[in-house]
Amino acid sequence: MPCSLTTQSSVLKRRAPASPQQAKMHDKRGHIDESANNGQEKADKVPTKGDKVSTNEEKHKNVAFATLAIHAGNDPEKWDMNQQQFAGMPKGHDYARGGNPTRDVLQQSIAALENARHCRVFSSGLSATAAMANWLHSGDHIIASDDGYGGTQRYFRQISVEHHGMELSFVDLTKLANLEKEFKPNTKMVWFETPSNPLLKVIDIEAVCRAVRSRSKECIVVVDNTFMTPYFQRPLELGADVVMHSLTKYINGHTDVLMGAMVTNNDQLDQHLNSQQLAAGAVPSPFDAFLVIRGIKTLHLRMRQHMENALAVARWLEKDPRVEKVLYPELESHPQHKIHKKQSSGMSGMVSFYIRADADGARKFLANLKLFTLAESLGGFESLAELPAVMTHASVPEQMRNLIGISDNLIRLSVGCEDKTDLINDLDMALNLATDEMNRGG
């Protein structure tokens, strides 16, 4: 089956018309003033237009993100068991795979935070991806951003193309001309992350959605919002049909859960996702759902700290001669900084940079870190570091990695909630030791 590896294409979609969500300027709730050292959020009232997003929405009108995160979805009167009143007449949930009260609360909470009608959670981010990709049929064409999570790219290549007979194009969506060039009559889905993983490219969500709508009424736009969370960015308000989250990361935030979510305002897409939950069974346990609910309660606090620390780290790295280039959208040097400021109210703890060294030097740097743990995940309270070329993106063909800039000296950091001075000192020490070893020829 055809699979284009040019740096310009990716989109997926099915037969049902997408919900005509009109792009709205993202409100600046939760925006962090860079000039303030304490990271206080600015006035931030959550929009309340549209259908109800939880069973007790009246309590949640005109409240701030932090209040919504703590209270959305809670409805103590709904706790029940699977016992049926009469044979074939369940009182509520009849089987845990189909639903349970704890999962309901989590789904309602995430929907509320994204200002959406529907949310469906799955046992992992990739199972959520699979459920959404199953909306498509053999012969449909997917356009995906060239720079994205390696697991998503692997799924599209190995499952969507090889097993389901779909077409696939990877595209640099920071340039709309690339989207126009790769769009086909059978393009049914456009899938992208913004900021991207690991190069932190920022894609103009509103512009992409507008371009897709001008070409097709059937093609859906899916935005992976894992790096940003709804605290900093809400793609549905900018025209996206579906928002994807790896809840494993920032929304849970405690590195003790594996889970994914799909959020939408489109009733048909939600019905499809619900049927995927029931038929495929890739759903989280009630306890895992409880853990993510717990994580949401402190999401606003953690995201502020992640950004404060990451911005300090990025600014320090940018001035260091041992570093070639720093990628962080809050920096004015970032090529899509203006787009980022237009559609987002902040940035998470993800920072990427090119160390002034070869692959061996990059490995030496990582080996000398003490506070940053060498690991592939991200979004937890602890700081992590990795080498994408041989870790998270090892499954991406080498030719494509080199083409888009995932070189052997690219380092990706997930900056945690530790003291920022300690984190900078750790990076400084590791850079010193790596430089000394390289100078000695070790």
Protein backbone atom coordinates (compact mmCIF):
# COMPACT_ATOMS: atom_id res chain seq x y z
CA MET A 1 0.00 0.00 0.00
CA PRO A 2 1.26 3.52 -0.77
CA CYS A 3 3.00 5.38 2.03
CA SER A 4 4.63 8.70 1.22
CA LEU A 5 7.62 9.65 3.35
CA THR A 6 7.95 13.17 2.02
CA THR A 7 7.94 15.90 4.61
CA GLN A 8 4.53 17.08 3.56
CA SER A 9 1.41 15.12 4.43
CA SER A 10 -0.99 13.42 6.92
CA VAL A 11 -4.81 13.35 7.42
CA LEU A 12 -7.57 10.86 8.24
CA LYS A 13 -11.40 10.79 8.21
CA ARG A 14 -14.58 8.83 7.54
CA ARG A 15 -17.97 9.12 5.89
CA ALA A 16 -19.86 11.15 8.50
CA PRO A 17 -19.80 14.94 8.16
CA ALA A 18 -17.60 16.54 10.76
CA SER A 19 -19.08 18.82 13.40
CA PRO A 20 -18.92 22.40 12.05
CA GLN A 21 -16.87 23.78 14.92
CA GLN A 22 -15.94 27.38 14.22
CA ALA A 23 -12.53 28.52 15.33
CA LYS A 24 -12.62 30.84 18.31
CA MET A 25 -9.76 32.79 19.70
CA HIS A 26 -8.40 30.84 22.63
CA ASP A 27 -9.08 32.73 25.84
CA LYS A 28 -6.06 33.48 27.98
CA ARG A 29 -7.18 31.54 31.02
CA GLY A 30 -4.21 30.27 32.93
CA HIS A 31 -1.72 32.42 31.02
CA ILE A 32 1.54 32.85 32.88
CA ASP A 33 3.13 36.28 32.92
CA GLU A 34 6.75 35.68 31.95
CA SER A 35 7.82 38.77 33.87
CA ALA A 36 6.46 37.38 37.13
CA ASN A 37 8.62 35.02 39.12
CA ASN A 38 5.76 33.46 41.01
CA GLY A 39 3.96 32.16 37.90
CA GLN A 40 0.53 33.50 38.91
CA GLU A 41 -2.23 32.93 36.37
CA LYS A 42 -4.11 35.81 34.89
CA ALA A 43 -7.88 36.24 35.05
CA ASP A 44 -9.23 33.11 33.43
CA LYS A 45 -12.92 32.35 33.17
CA VAL A 46 -13.89 29.23 31.25
CA PRO A 47 -16.37 29.70 28.38
CA THR A 48 -19.72 28.11 29.14
CA LYS A 49 -21.49 28.27 25.79
CA GLY A 50 -22.83 25.08 24.24
CA ASP A 51 -24.35 21.91 25.57
CA LYS A 52 -23.89 20.64 29.10
CA VAL A 53 -20.60 18.97 29.77
CA SER A 54 -21.42 17.40 33.13
CA THR A 55 -24.44 16.34 35.14
CA ASN A 56 -24.06 19.22 37.58
CA GLU A 57 -23.01 21.98 35.21
CA GLU A 58 -25.04 24.68 36.99
CA LYS A 59 -22.44 24.67 39.76
CA HIS A 60 -19.67 25.25 37.25
CA LYS A 61 -20.81 28.29 35.31
CA ASN A 62 -18.33 31.15 35.17
CA VAL A 63 -15.66 29.42 37.21
CA ALA A 64 -11.90 29.37 36.65
CA PHE A 65 -9.95 26.42 35.28
CA ALA A 66 -8.65 25.43 38.72
CA THR A 67 -12.17 25.24 40.18
CA LEU A 68 -13.44 23.28 37.19
CA ALA A 69 -10.55 20.82 37.43
CA ILE A 70 -11.44 20.03 41.03
CA HIS A 71 -15.23 19.84 40.75
CA ALA A 72 -16.21 18.91 37.16
CA GLY A 73 -17.87 15.51 36.77
CA ASN A 74 -18.53 14.89 40.45
CA ASP A 75 -22.10 13.71 41.04
CA PRO A 76 -22.36 11.50 44.15
CA GLU A 77 -25.95 10.53 43.36
CA LYS A 78 -24.80 8.47 40.37
CA TRP A 79 -22.77 5.81 42.17
CA ASP A 80 -24.39 2.45 41.49
CA MET A 81 -23.65 -1.25 41.00
CA ASN A 82 -24.17 -3.52 38.00
CA GLN A 83 -27.24 -5.19 39.49
CA GLN A 84 -30.23 -5.21 37.14
CA GLN A 85 -33.75 -4.35 38.24
CA PHE A 86 -35.22 -7.00 35.90
CA ALA A 87 -33.58 -9.35 33.42
CA GLY A 88 -32.44 -7.25 30.49
CA MET A 89 -33.30 -3.99 32.30
CA PRO A 90 -30.15 -2.55 33.89
CA LYS A 91 -30.58 0.31 36.36
CA GLY A 92 -27.42 1.93 35.10
CA HIS A 93 -24.18 0.27 34.06
CA ASP A 94 -24.54 -3.42 33.35
CA TYR A 95 -20.90 -4.38 32.65
CA ALA A 96 -17.69 -2.56 33.55
CA ARG A 97 -16.23 -2.69 30.04
CA GLY A 98 -19.22 -0.70 28.78
CA GLY A 99 -18.87 1.88 31.52
CA ASN A 100 -18.61 2.50 35.23
CA PRO A 101 -19.21 5.51 37.48
CA THR A 102 -15.53 6.33 37.97
CA ARG A 103 -14.85 6.30 34.24
CA ASP A 104 -17.93 8.48 33.72
CA VAL A 105 -16.56 11.09 36.13
CA LEU A 106 -13.19 11.11 34.37
CA GLN A 107 -14.74 11.45 30.91
CA GLN A 108 -17.05 14.24 32.06
CA SER A 109 -14.16 16.05 33.71
CA ILE A 110 -11.91 15.97 30.64
CA ALA A 111 -14.81 17.02 28.40
CA ALA A 112 -15.47 19.98 30.69
CA LEU A 113 -11.82 21.05 30.66
CA GLU A 114 -11.76 20.94 26.84
CA ASN A 115 -15.16 22.72 26.71
CA ALA A 116 -16.54 19.72 24.81
CA ARG A 117 -19.65 17.54 24.86
CA HIS A 118 -17.98 14.15 24.73
CA CYS A 119 -14.89 12.31 25.95
CA ARG A 120 -13.99 8.62 25.73
CA VAL A 121 -11.01 7.18 27.59
CA PHE A 122 -8.97 4.13 26.62
CA SER A 123 -6.37 1.87 28.21
CA SER A 124 -3.48 3.73 26.52
CA GLY A 125 -2.83 6.61 24.18
CA LEU A 126 -2.21 4.20 21.31
CA SER A 127 -5.46 2.33 21.94
CA ALA A 128 -7.22 5.69 21.70
CA THR A 129 -5.34 6.33 18.45
CA ALA A 130 -6.38 2.92 17.12
CA ALA A 131 -10.02 3.56 17.98
CA MET A 132 -9.99 6.86 16.11
CA ALA A 133 -8.11 5.41 13.13
CA ASN A 134 -10.80 2.71 12.86
CA TRP A 135 -13.17 5.44 11.75
CA LEU A 136 -11.47 5.12 8.36
CA HIS A 137 -11.81 2.52 5.62
CA SER A 138 -9.46 0.81 3.20
CA GLY A 139 -8.45 3.26 0.50
CA ASP A 140 -8.83 6.33 2.69
CA HIS A 141 -5.91 8.72 2.87
CA ILE A 142 -4.32 10.00 6.10
CA ILE A 143 -2.19 13.13 6.29
CA ALA A 144 -0.01 13.20 9.42
CA SER A 145 2.54 15.73 10.58
CA ASP A 146 6.06 14.64 9.72
CA ASP A 147 7.29 15.39 13.23
CA GLY A 148 5.24 13.46 15.75
CA TYR A 149 5.19 10.73 18.35
CA GLY A 150 7.02 7.68 17.05
CA GLY A 151 4.34 5.29 18.30
CA THR A 152 1.63 7.08 16.33
CA GLN A 153 3.74 7.05 13.18
CA ARG A 154 4.46 3.34 13.68
CA TYR A 155 0.74 2.59 14.08
CA PHE A 156 -0.15 4.43 10.88
CA ARG A 157 2.64 2.68 8.94
CA GLN A 158 2.27 -0.85 10.26
CA ILE A 159 -1.46 -1.05 10.95
CA SER A 160 -3.35 1.59 8.96
CA VAL A 161 -1.31 1.09 5.79
CA GLU A 162 -0.04 -2.50 5.90
CA HIS A 163 -3.11 -4.15 7.47
CA HIS A 164 -6.03 -1.86 6.66
CA GLY A 165 -5.04 -0.76 3.17
CA MET A 166 -5.02 2.98 3.76
CA GLU A 167 -2.80 5.60 2.18
CA LEU A 168 -0.48 7.73 4.30
CA SER A 169 1.50 10.92 3.78
CA PHE A 170 3.76 12.65 6.29
CA VAL A 171 3.78 16.42 5.85
CA ASP A 172 5.39 19.48 7.38
CA LEU A 173 2.15 21.20 8.37
CA THR A 174 3.86 24.38 9.52
CA LYS A 175 3.57 25.33 5.84
CA LEU A 176 -0.02 25.27 4.54
CA ALA A 177 1.20 24.90 0.97
CA ASN A 178 2.37 21.39 1.88
CA LEU A 179 -1.13 20.47 3.05
CA GLU A 180 -2.66 21.81 -0.15
CA LYS A 181 -0.17 19.84 -2.23
CA GLU A 182 -0.79 16.50 -0.51
CA PHE A 183 -4.56 16.76 -0.04
CA LYS A 184 -6.47 14.25 -2.19
CA PRO A 185 -10.14 13.51 -2.90
CA ASN A 186 -9.82 10.46 -0.62
CA THR A 187 -8.12 12.34 2.24
CA LYS A 188 -10.30 11.58 5.25
CA MET A 189 -8.15 12.52 8.23
CA VAL A 190 -5.50 15.11 9.11
CA TRP A 191 -3.64 14.24 12.30
CA PHE A 192 -1.03 16.40 13.98
CA GLU A 193 0.55 17.37 17.28
CA THR A 194 1.23 20.96 18.21
CA PRO A 195 3.74 21.56 19.57
CA SER A 196 5.21 18.52 17.88
CA ASN A 197 7.28 15.72 19.35
CA PRO A 198 10.26 16.10 19.60
CA LEU A 199 11.03 19.23 17.54
CA LEU A 200 8.30 21.36 19.16
CA LYS A 201 7.07 22.79 15.87
CA VAL A 202 3.91 24.85 16.28
CA ILE A 203 1.15 24.29 13.72
CA ASP A 204 -1.54 26.91 13.21
CA ILE A 205 -4.62 24.92 14.24
CA GLU A 206 -7.15 27.44 12.99
CA ALA A 207 -5.44 27.81 9.61
CA VAL A 208 -5.16 24.05 9.04
CA CYS A 209 -8.82 23.49 9.97
CA ARG A 210 -9.90 26.28 7.64
CA ALA A 211 -7.83 24.83 4.79
CA VAL A 212 -9.27 21.34 5.33
CA ARG A 213 -12.85 22.66 5.43
CA SER A 214 -12.29 24.44 2.13
CA ARG A 215 -11.30 21.15 0.51
CA SER A 216 -13.62 18.60 2.11
CA LYS A 217 -16.68 18.35 4.33
CA GLU A 218 -15.83 14.76 5.25
CA CYS A 219 -12.20 15.03 6.30
CA ILE A 220 -11.75 15.32 10.06
CA VAL A 221 -8.96 17.10 11.90
CA VAL A 222 -7.46 15.37 14.95
CA VAL A 223 -5.09 17.33 17.19
CA ASP A 224 -2.88 15.59 19.74
CA ASN A 225 -2.95 18.00 22.68
CA THR A 226 -0.82 15.88 25.02
CA PHE A 227 2.03 18.36 25.38
CA MET A 228 -0.27 21.30 26.17
CA THR A 229 -3.29 19.92 28.06
CA PRO A 230 -6.51 21.99 28.03
CA TYR A 231 -4.92 24.29 30.60
CA PHE A 232 -2.78 25.90 27.90
CA GLN A 233 -4.59 25.06 24.64
CA ARG A 234 -8.04 23.91 23.51
CA PRO A 235 -8.02 22.84 19.84
CA LEU A 236 -11.79 22.26 19.55
CA GLU A 237 -12.28 25.99 20.05
CA LEU A 238 -9.95 26.57 17.09
CA GLY A 239 -11.87 24.29 14.73
CA ALA A 240 -10.54 20.77 15.34
CA ASP A 241 -13.00 17.86 15.24
CA VAL A 242 -11.22 15.67 17.76
CA VAL A 243 -8.64 16.24 20.49
CA MET A 244 -6.39 13.36 21.53
CA HIS A 245 -4.61 13.05 24.88
CA SER A 246 -2.13 10.59 26.26
CA LEU A 247 -3.45 10.86 29.81
CA THR A 248 -0.34 8.94 30.87
CA LYS A 249 1.53 12.21 30.60
CA TYR A 250 0.67 15.67 31.98
CA ILE A 251 -3.01 15.22 32.79
CA ASN A 252 -2.28 12.34 35.15
CA GLY A 253 1.12 13.76 35.99
CA HIS A 254 2.29 11.12 38.47
CA THR A 255 3.84 8.50 36.14
CA ASP A 256 1.66 5.72 37.54
CA VAL A 257 -1.06 5.32 34.90
CA LEU A 258 -1.30 4.22 31.25
CA MET A 259 -4.32 5.80 29.53
CA GLY A 260 -5.54 7.80 26.52
CA ALA A 261 -8.55 9.92 25.60
CA MET A 262 -10.46 11.24 22.60
CA VAL A 263 -12.56 14.39 23.00
CA THR A 264 -15.10 15.74 20.50
CA ASN A 265 -18.29 17.72 19.97
CA ASN A 266 -19.35 15.47 17.08
CA ASP A 267 -22.08 13.04 18.14
CA GLN A 268 -21.32 10.53 15.37
CA LEU A 269 -17.63 10.43 16.20
CA ASP A 270 -18.47 9.96 19.87
CA GLN A 271 -20.81 7.07 19.05
CA HIS A 272 -18.03 5.46 17.03
CA LEU A 273 -15.56 5.84 19.90
CA ASN A 274 -18.10 4.44 22.36
CA SER A 275 -18.62 1.38 20.17
CA GLN A 276 -14.84 0.94 19.98
CA GLN A 277 -14.67 0.93 23.78
CA LEU A 278 -17.33 -1.76 24.02
CA ALA A 279 -16.30 -3.91 21.05
CA ALA A 280 -12.51 -3.80 21.36
CA GLY A 281 -12.44 -3.57 25.15
CA ALA A 282 -9.33 -1.39 25.38
CA VAL A 283 -10.67 0.51 28.38
CA PRO A 284 -9.01 1.57 31.64
CA SER A 285 -9.81 0.08 35.02
CA PRO A 286 -11.89 2.10 37.50
CA PHE A 287 -8.84 2.48 39.73
CA ASP A 288 -6.71 3.90 36.91
CA ALA A 289 -9.56 6.30 36.15
CA PHE A 290 -9.56 7.33 39.81
CA LEU A 291 -5.82 8.03 39.65
CA VAL A 292 -6.23 10.34 36.66
CA ILE A 293 -9.13 12.13 38.39
CA ARG A 294 -6.74 12.67 41.29
CA GLY A 295 -4.10 14.06 38.92
CA ILE A 296 -6.53 16.52 37.34
CA LYS A 297 -7.08 18.20 40.72
CA THR A 298 -3.54 19.60 40.63
CA LEU A 299 -3.15 20.01 36.86
CA HIS A 300 -3.22 23.82 36.96
CA LEU A 301 -0.61 23.94 39.71
CA ARG A 302 1.72 21.50 38.00
CA MET A 303 1.47 23.11 34.57
CA ARG A 304 2.41 26.51 36.00
CA GLN A 305 5.47 25.01 37.65
CA HIS A 306 6.44 23.01 34.56
CA MET A 307 6.37 26.18 32.48
CA GLU A 308 8.22 28.32 34.99
CA ASN A 309 11.00 25.73 35.25
CA ALA A 310 11.14 24.94 31.53
CA LEU A 311 11.33 28.60 30.55
CA ALA A 312 14.22 29.14 32.97
CA VAL A 313 16.01 26.06 31.61
CA ALA A 314 15.41 27.07 27.98
CA ARG A 315 16.71 30.60 28.53
CA TRP A 316 19.80 29.27 30.28
CA LEU A 317 20.50 26.72 27.53
CA GLU A 318 20.05 29.35 24.83
CA LYS A 319 22.95 31.36 26.27
CA ASP A 320 25.29 28.38 26.68
CA PRO A 321 28.01 28.02 24.01
CA ARG A 322 27.95 24.23 24.44
CA VAL A 323 24.44 24.22 22.95
CA GLU A 324 23.78 24.77 19.23
CA LYS A 325 20.07 25.54 19.29
CA VAL A 326 17.15 25.50 21.75
CA LEU A 327 13.56 24.67 20.80
CA TYR A 328 10.89 26.04 23.14
CA PRO A 329 7.82 27.92 21.82
CA GLU A 330 7.83 30.50 24.64
CA LEU A 331 11.23 31.75 23.45
CA GLU A 332 11.04 34.63 20.99
CA SER A 333 13.68 32.83 18.93
CA HIS A 334 11.26 29.99 18.17
CA PRO A 335 10.24 30.13 14.48
CA GLN A 336 6.51 29.82 15.26
CA HIS A 337 6.55 31.90 18.46
CA LYS A 338 3.83 34.28 17.23
CA ILE A 339 1.49 31.43 16.26
CA HIS A 340 2.10 29.82 19.63
CA LYS A 341 1.18 33.02 21.47
CA LYS A 342 -1.94 33.40 19.33
CA GLN A 343 -3.44 29.98 20.01
CA SER A 344 -2.02 29.02 23.41
CA SER A 345 -1.79 30.61 26.84
CA GLY A 346 1.48 28.97 27.86
CA MET A 347 3.69 25.95 27.35
CA SER A 348 4.45 22.75 29.22
CA GLY A 349 7.82 21.46 30.40
CA MET A 350 8.95 20.05 27.05
CA VAL A 351 12.28 21.52 25.89
CA SER A 352 14.43 20.19 23.06
CA PHE A 353 17.95 21.29 22.14
CA TYR A 354 20.91 20.34 19.98
CA ILE A 355 24.06 19.78 22.00
CA ARG A 356 27.29 20.91 20.34
CA ALA A 357 28.59 17.35 20.07
CA ASP A 358 28.28 14.15 18.08
CA ALA A 359 26.17 11.13 19.04
CA ASP A 360 28.83 9.90 21.45
CA GLY A 361 28.97 13.30 23.14
CA ALA A 362 25.19 13.38 23.46
CA ARG A 363 25.27 9.98 25.16
CA LYS A 364 28.00 11.14 27.54
CA PHE A 365 25.91 14.16 28.47
CA LEU A 366 22.87 12.01 29.25
CA ALA A 367 24.97 9.53 31.22
CA ASN A 368 26.25 12.29 33.51
CA LEU A 369 22.86 13.69 34.49
CA LYS A 370 21.90 13.09 38.13
CA LEU A 371 18.50 14.72 38.62
CA PHE A 372 17.18 14.19 35.10
CA THR A 373 16.30 10.51 34.67
CA LEU A 374 17.15 8.88 31.33
CA ALA A 375 13.69 7.72 30.23
CA GLU A 376 11.33 7.94 27.27
CA SER A 377 8.17 9.15 28.97
CA LEU A 378 7.22 12.72 29.87
CA GLY A 379 4.78 14.90 31.73
CA GLY A 380 5.36 13.66 35.27
CA PHE A 381 6.44 15.69 38.27
CA GLU A 382 10.02 14.45 37.86
CA SER A 383 12.46 15.62 35.17
CA LEU A 384 13.40 13.25 32.34
CA ALA A 385 15.87 13.39 29.44
CA GLU A 386 16.21 11.28 26.32
CA LEU A 387 17.87 10.92 22.92
CA PRO A 388 14.98 10.71 20.41
CA ALA A 389 17.03 9.26 17.54
CA VAL A 390 17.65 6.02 19.44
CA MET A 391 14.78 6.09 21.93
CA THR A 392 11.30 7.53 21.29
CA HIS A 393 11.80 7.88 17.53
CA ALA A 394 14.00 4.86 16.82
CA SER A 395 11.12 3.32 14.82
CA VAL A 396 11.09 6.30 12.44
CA PRO A 397 13.17 5.49 9.33
CA GLU A 398 16.64 7.03 9.54
CA GLN A 399 16.20 8.86 6.24
CA MET A 400 13.08 10.59 7.53
CA ARG A 401 14.68 11.38 10.89
CA ASN A 402 17.58 13.09 9.15
CA LEU A 403 15.24 14.90 6.78
CA ILE A 404 13.15 16.53 9.51
CA GLY A 405 15.95 17.20 11.99
CA ILE A 406 15.89 14.36 14.53
CA SER A 407 19.66 14.10 14.53
CA ASP A 408 21.97 12.17 16.85
CA ASN A 409 22.72 15.29 18.93
CA LEU A 410 19.08 16.24 19.59
CA ILE A 411 18.17 16.04 23.29
CA ARG A 412 14.58 16.13 24.56
CA LEU A 413 13.86 17.21 28.13
CA SER A 414 10.68 16.84 30.12
CA VAL A 415 11.30 19.48 32.77
CA GLY A 416 9.64 18.54 36.04
CA CYS A 417 8.62 20.36 39.20
CA GLU A 418 11.92 20.28 41.09
CA ASP A 419 13.75 23.48 42.01
CA LYS A 420 14.77 25.12 38.74
CA THR A 421 18.21 26.11 40.04
CA ASP A 422 18.97 22.49 40.89
CA LEU A 423 17.89 21.41 37.40
CA ILE A 424 20.09 24.02 35.71
CA ASN A 425 23.04 22.99 37.88
CA ASP A 426 22.49 19.36 36.87
CA LEU A 427 22.51 20.26 33.18
CA ASP A 428 25.60 22.43 33.65
CA MET A 429 27.50 19.67 35.44
CA ALA A 430 26.57 17.07 32.80
CA LEU A 431 27.65 19.39 29.99
CA ASN A 432 30.96 20.03 31.76
CA LEU A 433 31.68 16.34 32.30
CA ALA A 434 30.68 15.41 28.76
CA THR A 435 32.89 18.18 27.35
CA ASP A 436 35.84 17.09 29.49
CA GLU A 437 35.46 13.47 28.39
CA MET A 438 35.30 14.46 24.73
CA ASN A 439 38.35 16.71 25.08
CA ARG A 440 40.28 13.82 26.64
CA GLY A 441 39.13 11.57 23.82
CA GLY A 442 37.33 9.29 26.29
